[in-house]
C-alpha atoms as a PDB file:
ATOM      1  CA  VAL A   1      93.982 -11.305  96.819  1.00  0.00           C
ATOM      2  CA  ASP A   2      90.226 -11.402  97.845  1.00  0.00           C
ATOM      3  CA  VAL A   3      89.907 -11.871 101.335  1.00  0.00           C
ATOM      4  CA  VAL A   4      86.335 -12.348 101.948  1.00  0.00           C
ATOM      5  CA  MET A   5      84.992 -12.880 105.562  1.00  0.00           C
ATOM      6  CA  PRO A   6      80.796 -13.610 106.119  1.00  0.00           C
ATOM      7  CA  ILE A   7      79.867 -11.450 108.997  1.00  0.00           C
ATOM      8  CA  ARG A   8      76.393 -11.472 111.135  1.00  0.00           C
ATOM      9  CA  ASN A   9      76.514 -10.158 114.958  1.00  0.00           C
ATOM     10  CA  GLU A  10      79.852  -9.225 114.804  1.00  0.00           C
ATOM     11  CA  ALA A  11      79.875  -5.748 115.891  1.00  0.00           C
ATOM     12  CA  GLU A  12      82.530  -5.982 118.918  1.00  0.00           C
ATOM     13  CA  HIS A  13      84.721  -8.154 117.064  1.00  0.00           C
ATOM     14  CA  LEU A  14      84.718  -6.594 113.048  1.00  0.00           C
ATOM     15  CA  ALA A  15      86.878  -3.878 113.056  1.00  0.00           C
ATOM     16  CA  THR A  16      89.703  -5.476 114.720  1.00  0.00           C
ATOM     17  CA  ALA A  17      89.711  -8.470 111.860  1.00  0.00           C
ATOM     18  CA  VAL A  18      89.624  -5.701 109.432  1.00  0.00           C
ATOM     19  CA  THR A  19      91.970  -4.050 110.398  1.00  0.00           C
ATOM     20  CA  ALA A  20      94.871  -7.023 111.121  1.00  0.00           C
ATOM     21  CA  ALA A  21      93.417  -7.781 107.364  1.00  0.00           C
ATOM     22  CA  ARG A  22      94.086  -4.307 106.119  1.00  0.00           C
ATOM     23  CA  GLY A  23      97.358  -4.391 107.535  1.00  0.00           C
ATOM     24  CA  GLN A  24      99.079  -7.162 105.932  1.00  0.00           C
ATOM     25  CA  ASP A  25     102.069  -7.176 104.007  1.00  0.00           C
ATOM     26  CA  TYR A  26     101.741  -8.422 101.225  1.00  0.00           C
ATOM     27  CA  PRO A  27     103.077  -6.269  97.798  1.00  0.00           C
ATOM     28  CA  GLY A  28     100.038  -7.050  95.715  1.00  0.00           C
ATOM     29  CA  ARG A  29      96.320  -5.329  96.156  1.00  0.00           C
ATOM     30  CA  VAL A  30      94.385  -6.561  98.999  1.00  0.00           C
ATOM     31  CA  ARG A  31      90.432  -6.308  98.717  1.00  0.00           C
ATOM     32  CA  ILE A  32      88.050  -6.868 101.802  1.00  0.00           C
ATOM     33  CA  PHE A  33      84.936  -8.213 101.091  1.00  0.00           C
ATOM     34  CA  LEU A  34      82.023  -8.543 103.764  1.00  0.00           C
ATOM     35  CA  GLY A  35      79.174 -10.630 103.037  1.00  0.00           C
ATOM     36  CA  VAL A  36      77.433  -9.469 105.717  1.00  0.00           C
ATOM     37  CA  GLY A  37      73.724 -11.186 106.730  1.00  0.00           C
ATOM     38  CA  PRO A  38      71.042  -9.688 109.606  1.00  0.00           C
ATOM     39  CA  SER A  39      71.949  -8.813 112.895  1.00  0.00           C
ATOM     40  CA  ASP A  40      71.543  -7.537 115.833  1.00  0.00           C
ATOM     41  CA  ASP A  41      73.981  -6.217 117.600  1.00  0.00           C
ATOM     42  CA  GLY A  42      74.910  -3.110 114.144  1.00  0.00           C
ATOM     43  CA  THR A  43      76.833  -4.976 112.574  1.00  0.00           C
ATOM     44  CA  GLU A  44      75.699  -3.543 109.162  1.00  0.00           C
ATOM     45  CA  GLN A  45      75.682  -0.564 110.796  1.00  0.00           C
ATOM     46  CA  LYS A  46      79.749  -1.010 111.667  1.00  0.00           C
ATOM     47  CA  ALA A  47      80.283  -2.384 108.306  1.00  0.00           C
ATOM     48  CA  ALA A  48      79.591   0.329 106.562  1.00  0.00           C
ATOM     49  CA  GLU A  49      81.435   2.639 108.499  1.00  0.00           C
ATOM     50  CA  LEU A  50      84.433   0.903 107.658  1.00  0.00           C
ATOM     51  CA  ALA A  51      83.385   0.698 104.236  1.00  0.00           C
ATOM     52  CA  ALA A  52      83.152   4.639 103.990  1.00  0.00           C
ATOM     53  CA  THR A  53      87.071   4.640 104.908  1.00  0.00           C
ATOM     54  CA  GLY A  54      88.115   3.040 102.462  1.00  0.00           C
ATOM     55  CA  ASP A  55      88.021   1.768  98.197  1.00  0.00           C
ATOM     56  CA  ASP A  56      89.840  -1.172  99.551  1.00  0.00           C
ATOM     57  CA  LEU A  57      86.774  -2.641 101.739  1.00  0.00           C
ATOM     58  CA  VAL A  58      83.335  -3.886  99.804  1.00  0.00           C
ATOM     59  CA  VAL A  59      79.789  -4.631 101.991  1.00  0.00           C
ATOM     60  CA  THR A  60      77.713  -7.662 100.204  1.00  0.00           C
ATOM     61  CA  ALA A  61      74.173  -8.604 101.392  1.00  0.00           C
ATOM     62  CA  ASN A  62      73.428 -12.085 102.641  1.00  0.00           C
ATOM     63  CA  PRO A  63      69.784 -11.949 103.084  1.00  0.00           C
ATOM     64  CA  SER A  64      69.734 -15.581 104.756  1.00  0.00           C
ATOM     65  CA  GLY A  65      72.134 -14.871 107.131  1.00  0.00           C
ATOM     66  CA  THR A  66      73.988 -18.371 106.611  1.00  0.00           C
ATOM     67  CA  THR A  67      77.941 -18.506 106.604  1.00  0.00           C
ATOM     68  CA  PRO A  68      78.431 -20.697 103.364  1.00  0.00           C
ATOM     69  CA  SER A  69      76.181 -17.970 101.582  1.00  0.00           C
ATOM     70  CA  GLY A  70      78.086 -15.538 103.152  1.00  0.00           C
ATOM     71  CA  LEU A  71      81.278 -16.351 101.811  1.00  0.00           C
ATOM     72  CA  ASN A  72      79.985 -17.269  98.226  1.00  0.00           C
ATOM     73  CA  ALA A  73      78.481 -13.963  97.970  1.00  0.00           C
ATOM     74  CA  ALA A  74      81.573 -12.280  99.136  1.00  0.00           C
ATOM     75  CA  ILE A  75      83.465 -14.351  96.601  1.00  0.00           C
ATOM     76  CA  ARG A  76      81.595 -13.894  94.054  1.00  0.00           C
ATOM     77  CA  ALA A  77      81.805 -10.180  94.130  1.00  0.00           C
ATOM     78  CA  GLY A  78      85.223 -10.368  93.814  1.00  0.00           C
ATOM     79  CA  SER A  79      87.869 -11.028  91.250  1.00  0.00           C
ATOM     80  CA  ALA A  80      91.253 -12.449  92.705  1.00  0.00           C
ATOM     81  CA  PRO A  81      92.945 -15.391  91.788  1.00  0.00           C
ATOM     82  CA  ILE A  82      93.989 -15.827  95.170  1.00  0.00           C
ATOM     83  CA  VAL A  83      90.326 -16.002  97.536  1.00  0.00           C
ATOM     84  CA  VAL A  84      91.943 -15.489 101.809  1.00  0.00           C
ATOM     85  CA  ARG A  85      88.739 -16.680 104.080  1.00  0.00           C
ATOM     86  CA  VAL A  86      88.591 -14.636 107.658  1.00  0.00           C
ATOM     87  CA  ASP A  87      85.536 -14.881 110.197  1.00  0.00           C
ATOM     88  CA  GLY A  88      84.374 -11.680 111.975  1.00  0.00           C
ATOM     89  CA  HIS A  89      86.126 -13.269 115.261  1.00  0.00           C
ATOM     90  CA  SER A  90      89.503 -13.883 113.824  1.00  0.00           C
ATOM     91  CA  GLU A  91      92.745 -12.312 113.359  1.00  0.00           C
ATOM     92  CA  LEU A  92      95.088 -12.659 110.661  1.00  0.00           C
ATOM     93  CA  SER A  93      98.676 -13.569 112.317  1.00  0.00           C
ATOM     94  CA  ASP A  94     101.097 -10.558 110.662  1.00  0.00           C
ATOM     95  CA  GLY A  95     102.625 -11.755 106.948  1.00  0.00           C
ATOM     96  CA  TYR A  96      99.728 -14.705 106.579  1.00  0.00           C
ATOM     97  CA  ILE A  97      98.523 -13.964 102.798  1.00  0.00           C
ATOM     98  CA  ARG A  98     102.185 -13.293 101.726  1.00  0.00           C
ATOM     99  CA  ARG A  99     103.500 -16.945 103.178  1.00  0.00           C
ATOM    100  CA  ALA A 100     100.079 -18.208 102.362  1.00  0.00           C
ATOM    101  CA  VAL A 101     100.751 -17.303  99.162  1.00  0.00           C
ATOM    102  CA  GLU A 102     104.460 -18.068  98.760  1.00  0.00           C
ATOM    103  CA  THR A 103     103.027 -21.389 100.262  1.00  0.00           C
ATOM    104  CA  MET A 104     100.675 -22.543  97.579  1.00  0.00           C
ATOM    105  CA  GLU A 105     103.139 -21.297  94.664  1.00  0.00           C
ATOM    106  CA  ARG A 106     105.946 -23.426  95.744  1.00  0.00           C
ATOM    107  CA  THR A 107     103.559 -27.035  96.966  1.00  0.00           C
ATOM    108  CA  GLY A 108     101.194 -26.208  94.184  1.00  0.00           C
ATOM    109  CA  ALA A 109      98.535 -26.821  96.545  1.00  0.00           C
ATOM    110  CA  VAL A 110      94.952 -25.455  96.154  1.00  0.00           C
ATOM    111  CA  ASN A 111      93.521 -24.509  99.664  1.00  0.00           C
ATOM    112  CA  VAL A 112      97.020 -23.364 102.633  1.00  0.00           C
ATOM    113  CA  GLY A 113      95.751 -22.839 105.977  1.00  0.00           C
ATOM    114  CA  GLY A 114      98.012 -22.707 109.502  1.00  0.00           C
ATOM    115  CA  LEU A 115      96.718 -23.196 112.967  1.00  0.00           C
ATOM    116  CA  GLN A 116      94.191 -21.995 114.789  1.00  0.00           C
ATOM    117  CA  VAL A 117      95.181 -20.249 117.933  1.00  0.00           C
ATOM    118  CA  PRO A 118      92.732 -19.452 120.829  1.00  0.00           C
ATOM    119  CA  VAL A 119      93.479 -16.259 122.332  1.00  0.00           C
ATOM    120  CA  ALA A 120      91.485 -16.028 125.611  1.00  0.00           C
ATOM    121  CA  THR A 121      90.620 -14.014 127.996  1.00  0.00           C
ATOM    122  CA  THR A 122      88.921 -15.939 130.873  1.00  0.00           C
ATOM    123  CA  PRO A 123      89.373 -19.021 133.272  1.00  0.00           C
ATOM    124  CA  PHE A 124      87.063 -20.728 131.667  1.00  0.00           C
ATOM    125  CA  GLU A 125      87.638 -19.867 127.610  1.00  0.00           C
ATOM    126  CA  GLU A 126      91.676 -20.414 129.478  1.00  0.00           C
ATOM    127  CA  ALA A 127      90.270 -24.176 130.068  1.00  0.00           C
ATOM    128  CA  VAL A 128      88.065 -24.251 126.192  1.00  0.00           C
ATOM    129  CA  ALA A 129      91.339 -23.766 124.635  1.00  0.00           C
ATOM    130  CA  ALA A 130      93.708 -26.068 126.766  1.00  0.00           C
ATOM    131  CA  ALA A 131      90.984 -28.758 126.001  1.00  0.00           C
ATOM    132  CA  THR A 132      90.610 -27.566 121.685  1.00  0.00           C
ATOM    133  CA  THR A 133      94.576 -27.860 121.809  1.00  0.00           C
ATOM    134  CA  SER A 134      95.010 -30.849 123.127  1.00  0.00           C
ATOM    135  CA  TRP A 135      95.104 -34.041 121.470  1.00  0.00           C
ATOM    136  CA  LEU A 136      92.415 -35.139 123.732  1.00  0.00           C
ATOM    137  CA  GLY A 137      89.914 -32.014 123.349  1.00  0.00           C
ATOM    138  CA  THR A 138      89.389 -32.680 120.084  1.00  0.00           C
ATOM    139  CA  GLY A 139      91.140 -35.731 118.110  1.00  0.00           C
ATOM    140  CA  GLY A 140      94.670 -33.963 117.166  1.00  0.00           C
ATOM    141  CA  ALA A 141      93.593 -32.022 113.802  1.00  0.00           C
ATOM    142  CA  SER A 142      96.672 -30.654 112.615  1.00  0.00           C
ATOM    143  CA  TYR A 143      95.399 -26.933 112.201  1.00  0.00           C
ATOM    144  CA  ARG A 144      94.587 -27.008 116.544  1.00  0.00           C
ATOM    145  CA  VAL A 145      97.620 -29.120 117.643  1.00  0.00           C
ATOM    146  CA  GLY A 146     100.496 -28.458 115.179  1.00  0.00           C
ATOM    147  CA  GLY A 147     102.188 -30.631 113.234  1.00  0.00           C
ATOM    148  CA  ALA A 148     104.459 -30.925 110.326  1.00  0.00           C
ATOM    149  CA  GLU A 149     104.379 -29.429 106.997  1.00  0.00           C
ATOM    150  CA  GLY A 150     102.511 -30.703 104.192  1.00  0.00           C
ATOM    151  CA  PRO A 151      98.977 -32.593 102.916  1.00  0.00           C
ATOM    152  CA  VAL A 152      96.002 -32.921 105.209  1.00  0.00           C
ATOM    153  CA  ASP A 153      92.537 -33.295 104.244  1.00  0.00           C
ATOM    154  CA  THR A 154      91.916 -29.680 106.014  1.00  0.00           C
ATOM    155  CA  VAL A 155      92.423 -26.578 107.574  1.00  0.00           C
ATOM    156  CA  TYR A 156      91.252 -23.409 109.279  1.00  0.00           C
ATOM    157  CA  LEU A 157      89.671 -20.957 107.149  1.00  0.00           C
ATOM    158  CA  GLY A 158      91.841 -21.116 103.983  1.00  0.00           C
ATOM    159  CA  VAL A 159      93.777 -19.410 101.501  1.00  0.00           C
ATOM    160  CA  PHE A 160      92.322 -20.936  98.229  1.00  0.00           C
ATOM    161  CA  ASP A 161      92.836 -21.196  94.493  1.00  0.00           C
ATOM    162  CA  ARG A 162      89.951 -19.039  93.057  1.00  0.00           C
ATOM    163  CA  ALA A 163      89.860 -21.579  89.725  1.00  0.00           C
ATOM    164  CA  ALA A 164      89.809 -24.569  91.580  1.00  0.00           C
ATOM    165  CA  ILE A 165      86.938 -23.583  94.242  1.00  0.00           C
ATOM    166  CA  GLU A 166      84.863 -22.141  91.283  1.00  0.00           C
ATOM    167  CA  ALA A 167      85.484 -25.096  89.256  1.00  0.00           C
ATOM    168  CA  VAL A 168      84.159 -27.492  91.899  1.00  0.00           C
ATOM    169  CA  GLY A 169      80.750 -25.578  92.916  1.00  0.00           C
ATOM    170  CA  LEU A 170      82.597 -23.077  95.924  1.00  0.00           C
ATOM    171  CA  PHE A 171      80.606 -23.455  99.260  1.00  0.00           C
ATOM    172  CA  ASP A 172      77.591 -25.691 100.032  1.00  0.00           C
ATOM    173  CA  GLU A 173      74.835 -23.870 101.099  1.00  0.00           C
ATOM    174  CA  ARG A 174      73.139 -26.088 102.256  1.00  0.00           C
ATOM    175  CA  LEU A 175      75.790 -27.304 105.312  1.00  0.00           C
ATOM    176  CA  ILE A 176      75.158 -24.365 107.733  1.00  0.00           C
ATOM    177  CA  ARG A 177      78.094 -25.334 109.398  1.00  0.00           C
ATOM    178  CA  ASN A 178      80.919 -27.822 108.136  1.00  0.00           C
ATOM    179  CA  GLN A 179      81.016 -26.085 104.668  1.00  0.00           C
ATOM    180  CA  ASP A 180      84.815 -25.773 104.641  1.00  0.00           C
ATOM    181  CA  TYR A 181      85.536 -29.342 105.250  1.00  0.00           C
ATOM    182  CA  GLU A 182      82.845 -30.307 102.498  1.00  0.00           C
ATOM    183  CA  LEU A 183      84.894 -28.031  99.884  1.00  0.00           C
ATOM    184  CA  ASN A 184      87.797 -29.617 101.076  1.00  0.00           C
ATOM    185  CA  ILE A 185      86.339 -33.301 100.299  1.00  0.00           C
ATOM    186  CA  ARG A 186      85.318 -31.979  96.930  1.00  0.00           C
ATOM    187  CA  LEU A 187      89.033 -30.110  96.007  1.00  0.00           C
ATOM    188  CA  ARG A 188      91.128 -32.990  97.286  1.00  0.00           C
ATOM    189  CA  SER A 189      88.436 -35.497  95.296  1.00  0.00           C
ATOM    190  CA  ALA A 190      88.967 -33.083  91.916  1.00  0.00           C
ATOM    191  CA  GLY A 191      92.645 -34.019  92.481  1.00  0.00           C
ATOM    192  CA  GLY A 192      93.638 -31.120  94.399  1.00  0.00           C
ATOM    193  CA  THR A 193      96.020 -30.504  97.553  1.00  0.00           C
ATOM    194  CA  VAL A 194      94.922 -28.896 101.061  1.00  0.00           C
ATOM    195  CA  TRP A 195      98.367 -27.829 102.441  1.00  0.00           C
ATOM    196  CA  PHE A 196      98.968 -26.954 106.006  1.00  0.00           C
ATOM    197  CA  ASP A 197     101.827 -24.491 106.905  1.00  0.00           C
ATOM    198  CA  PRO A 198     102.835 -24.528 110.328  1.00  0.00           C
ATOM    199  CA  THR A 199     104.387 -21.339 109.945  1.00  0.00           C
ATOM    200  CA  LEU A 200     100.861 -19.530 109.263  1.00  0.00           C
ATOM    201  CA  SER A 201      98.221 -18.518 112.437  1.00  0.00           C
ATOM    202  CA  VAL A 202      94.631 -17.219 112.962  1.00  0.00           C
ATOM    203  CA  GLY A 203      93.750 -15.714 116.447  1.00  0.00           C
ATOM    204  CA  TYR A 204      90.429 -16.675 117.745  1.00  0.00           C
ATOM    205  CA  ARG A 205      88.249 -15.916 120.681  1.00  0.00           C
ATOM    206  CA  PRO A 206      87.045 -19.290 122.110  1.00  0.00           C
ATOM    207  CA  ARG A 207      83.317 -19.818 123.795  1.00  0.00           C
ATOM    208  CA  GLY A 208      82.667 -18.085 126.955  1.00  0.00           C
ATOM    209  CA  THR A 209      79.658 -19.894 128.209  1.00  0.00           C
ATOM    210  CA  TRP A 210      79.073 -23.280 129.111  1.00  0.00           C
ATOM    211  CA  ARG A 211      75.787 -23.168 127.016  1.00  0.00           C
ATOM    212  CA  ALA A 212      77.631 -21.489 124.333  1.00  0.00           C
ATOM    213  CA  LEU A 213      80.152 -24.150 124.488  1.00  0.00           C
ATOM    214  CA  ALA A 214      77.847 -27.075 124.246  1.00  0.00           C
ATOM    215  CA  ARG A 215      76.090 -25.518 121.251  1.00  0.00           C
ATOM    216  CA  GLN A 216      78.839 -25.182 118.996  1.00  0.00           C
ATOM    217  CA  TYR A 217      80.096 -28.711 119.305  1.00  0.00           C
ATOM    218  CA  PHE A 218      76.549 -29.880 119.178  1.00  0.00           C
ATOM    219  CA  GLU A 219      76.251 -28.382 115.811  1.00  0.00           C
ATOM    220  CA  TYR A 220      79.541 -29.065 114.784  1.00  0.00           C
ATOM    221  CA  GLY A 221      78.513 -32.459 115.757  1.00  0.00           C
ATOM    222  CA  ARG A 222      75.513 -32.709 113.811  1.00  0.00           C
ATOM    223  CA  TRP A 223      76.864 -30.920 110.491  1.00  0.00           C
ATOM    224  CA  LYS A 224      79.414 -33.050 110.278  1.00  0.00           C
ATOM    225  CA  ALA A 225      77.576 -36.130 110.781  1.00  0.00           C
ATOM    226  CA  VAL A 226      75.344 -34.879 107.704  1.00  0.00           C
ATOM    227  CA  VAL A 227      78.717 -34.372 105.807  1.00  0.00           C
ATOM    228  CA  MET A 228      79.505 -38.080 106.400  1.00  0.00           C
ATOM    229  CA  ARG A 229      76.032 -38.952 104.888  1.00  0.00           C
ATOM    230  CA  MET A 230      77.363 -36.983 101.868  1.00  0.00           C
ATOM    231  CA  HIS A 231      80.595 -38.187 101.738  1.00  0.00           C
ATOM    232  CA  PRO A 232      80.338 -41.951 103.124  1.00  0.00           C
ATOM    233  CA  GLY A 233      84.070 -42.157 102.900  1.00  0.00           C
ATOM    234  CA  SER A 234      85.144 -38.931 104.581  1.00  0.00           C
ATOM    235  CA  ALA A 235      85.142 -40.229 108.280  1.00  0.00           C
ATOM    236  CA  ARG A 236      88.615 -39.714 110.349  1.00  0.00           C
ATOM    237  CA  ALA A 237      89.164 -41.740 113.505  1.00  0.00           C
ATOM    238  CA  ARG A 238      89.098 -38.828 115.397  1.00  0.00           C
ATOM    239  CA  GLN A 239      85.811 -37.343 114.488  1.00  0.00           C
ATOM    240  CA  LEU A 240      84.180 -41.082 115.397  1.00  0.00           C
ATOM    241  CA  ALA A 241      86.231 -41.608 118.716  1.00  0.00           C
ATOM    242  CA  PRO A 242      83.976 -39.676 120.762  1.00  0.00           C
ATOM    243  CA  PRO A 243      80.380 -41.255 119.877  1.00  0.00           C
ATOM    244  CA  ILE A 244      82.471 -44.162 120.009  1.00  0.00           C
ATOM    245  CA  ALA A 245      83.815 -43.780 123.853  1.00  0.00           C
ATOM    246  CA  VAL A 246      80.430 -41.945 124.808  1.00  0.00           C
ATOM    247  CA  VAL A 247      79.150 -44.798 123.993  1.00  0.00           C
ATOM    248  CA  GLY A 248      81.715 -47.304 125.788  1.00  0.00           C
ATOM    249  CA  ILE A 249      80.897 -45.093 128.899  1.00  0.00           C
ATOM    250  CA  VAL A 250      76.981 -45.172 129.123  1.00  0.00           C
ATOM    251  CA  ALA A 251      77.236 -49.153 128.842  1.00  0.00           C
ATOM    252  CA  GLY A 252      80.137 -49.326 131.505  1.00  0.00           C
ATOM    253  CA  VAL A 253      78.164 -47.212 134.061  1.00  0.00           C
ATOM    254  CA  VAL A 254      74.818 -49.196 132.741  1.00  0.00           C
ATOM    255  CA  LEU A 255      76.541 -52.427 133.249  1.00  0.00           C
ATOM    256  CA  SER A 256      79.203 -52.516 134.829  1.00  0.00           C
ATOM    257  CA  ARG A 257      77.453 -54.359 137.728  1.00  0.00           C
ATOM    258  CA  ARG A 258      76.753 -57.482 135.714  1.00  0.00           C
ATOM    259  CA  HIS A 259      80.371 -57.290 133.833  1.00  0.00           C
ATOM    260  CA  ARG A 260      83.032 -56.063 136.226  1.00  0.00           C
ATOM    261  CA  PRO A 261      85.303 -55.452 133.420  1.00  0.00           C
ATOM    262  CA  LEU A 262      83.121 -52.503 131.567  1.00  0.00           C
ATOM    263  CA  ALA A 263      83.627 -50.810 134.546  1.00  0.00           C
ATOM    264  CA  LEU A 264      87.199 -49.759 132.965  1.00  0.00           C
ATOM    265  CA  LEU A 265      85.472 -47.989 130.251  1.00  0.00           C
ATOM    266  CA  PRO A 266      84.474 -44.935 132.388  1.00  0.00           C
ATOM    267  CA  GLY A 267      87.422 -45.603 134.462  1.00  0.00           C
ATOM    268  CA  THR A 268      89.650 -45.159 132.005  1.00  0.00           C
ATOM    269  CA  TYR A 269      88.048 -41.954 130.876  1.00  0.00           C
ATOM    270  CA  GLY A 270      88.161 -40.040 133.650  1.00  0.00           C
ATOM    271  CA  ALA A 271      91.793 -41.080 134.119  1.00  0.00           C
ATOM    272  CA  VAL A 272      92.549 -39.769 130.652  1.00  0.00           C
ATOM    273  CA  VAL A 273      90.668 -36.366 131.483  1.00  0.00           C
ATOM    274  CA  VAL A 274      91.890 -35.629 134.744  1.00  0.00           C
ATOM    275  CA  ALA A 275      95.853 -36.666 133.488  1.00  0.00           C
ATOM    276  CA  THR A 276      95.164 -34.136 130.806  1.00  0.00           C
ATOM    277  CA  ALA A 277      94.075 -31.545 133.136  1.00  0.00           C
ATOM    278  CA  ALA A 278      96.833 -31.829 135.666  1.00  0.00           C
ATOM    279  CA  ARG A 279      99.401 -32.035 132.827  1.00  0.00           C
ATOM    280  CA  SER A 280      97.708 -28.517 131.472  1.00  0.00           C
ATOM    281  CA  SER A 281      97.072 -26.564 134.786  1.00  0.00           C
ATOM    282  CA  HIS A 282      93.459 -25.983 133.994  1.00  0.00           C
ATOM    283  CA  PRO A 283      91.137 -28.054 136.512  1.00  0.00           C
ATOM    284  CA  LEU A 284      87.769 -27.162 134.274  1.00  0.00           C
ATOM    285  CA  ILE A 285      89.302 -29.513 131.424  1.00  0.00           C
ATOM    286  CA  VAL A 286      88.034 -32.297 133.511  1.00  0.00           C
ATOM    287  CA  LEU A 287      84.517 -30.973 132.655  1.00  0.00           C
ATOM    288  CA  VAL A 288      85.303 -29.103 129.414  1.00  0.00           C
ATOM    289  CA  ALA A 289      86.528 -32.277 127.278  1.00  0.00           C
ATOM    290  CA  PRO A 290      83.275 -34.358 128.419  1.00  0.00           C
ATOM    291  CA  LEU A 291      81.306 -31.615 127.685  1.00  0.00           C
ATOM    292  CA  ILE A 292      82.997 -31.261 123.944  1.00  0.00           C
ATOM    293  CA  HIS A 293      82.323 -34.746 123.566  1.00  0.00           C
ATOM    294  CA  GLY A 294      79.112 -35.277 124.777  1.00  0.00           C
ATOM    295  CA  ALA A 295      77.968 -32.257 122.661  1.00  0.00           C
ATOM    296  CA  TRP A 296      79.217 -33.830 119.622  1.00  0.00           C
ATOM    297  CA  SER A 297      78.409 -36.929 120.210  1.00  0.00           C
ATOM    298  CA  LEU A 298      74.862 -35.608 120.471  1.00  0.00           C
ATOM    299  CA  GLY A 299      75.524 -34.133 117.344  1.00  0.00           C
ATOM    300  CA  ILE A 300      76.753 -36.405 115.375  1.00  0.00           C
ATOM    301  CA  LEU A 301      73.247 -38.643 116.626  1.00  0.00           C
ATOM    302  CA  ALA A 302      71.514 -35.807 115.422  1.00  0.00           C
ATOM    303  CA  GLY A 303      72.603 -35.416 111.957  1.00  0.00           C
ATOM    304  CA  ALA A 304      72.632 -38.992 111.249  1.00  0.00           C
ATOM    305  CA  LEU A 305      68.781 -38.484 111.300  1.00  0.00           C
ATOM    306  CA  ARG A 306      69.172 -35.268 109.022  1.00  0.00           C
ATOM    307  CA  SER A 307      69.261 -34.321 105.765  1.00  0.00           C
ATOM    308  CA  PRO A 308      72.028 -31.508 103.902  1.00  0.00           C
ATOM    309  CA  GLY A 309      69.191 -29.023 103.593  1.00  0.00           C
ATOM    310  CA  GLY A 310      67.273 -30.078 106.949  1.00  0.00           C
ATOM    311  CA  ALA A 311      64.358 -32.561 106.519  1.00  0.00           C
ATOM    312  CA  ARG A 312      64.735 -35.676 108.513  1.00  0.00           C
ATOM    313  CA  VAL A 313      65.632 -38.755 106.984  1.00  0.00           C
ATOM    314  CA  GLY A 314      63.119 -41.889 107.015  1.00  0.00           C
END
């Protein structure tokens, strides 16, 4: 298998991610390809140092620095029939690659993935983790909240059949975010199956500040809207719920004096957020969840006015 990692400004976490990939219990050959973008934290030097420790790691330049370009550069540098995507701030669980390949062979899926498991180190990160692994926070996607094994619309990262992704054109390099979801749309449209296996897991570090979290979900929403414009039939209820809820809350606050029943909208939302926070023992959820929903919704609006290449529409 080829492990592909798009890397930019990941000097702090890169060695951990590479060590987890190198330590996989897999009977076949594992090679690691780093698509390294221009960085200002010593990532390029760290990647070179890691490459010098064994011939199983290859560094490939990614001049644009974007995630899909880094992924495609790393994929093209390898040749193995199975491609395992890993991010520089993520860590594969023990036996991840072996189990994913077995699941792929058993199911015939062209992409297999599992759970995205937050590894929090601060109270704020713990609150973000609690919010994003709840139905309220992110709508209940299987890779976040778990569920039964089976076909899904998307998975976290992914273990891909090389022939299948090459046949549909790899990652769309116009998409700064949401390129994984868009690739899965094309894989499914071509007749392939994307498979969720809850026994697989990958650890990742949640955003550590309010600003970083807001920016993350604004960008997620923005590029989700672009993908929905590219593939109109791809929208899911969980993706549209936050902007609909935000519109309802604003309408309730503004118009409730004239139409008192509308006050139920913000009141109900607030009650659900408070109840979720109480069940999770993370009181910060009462602020984290609305921030996620608001940033996502603003991003959806911004993305609706932009083309995949970034130009404004109209």
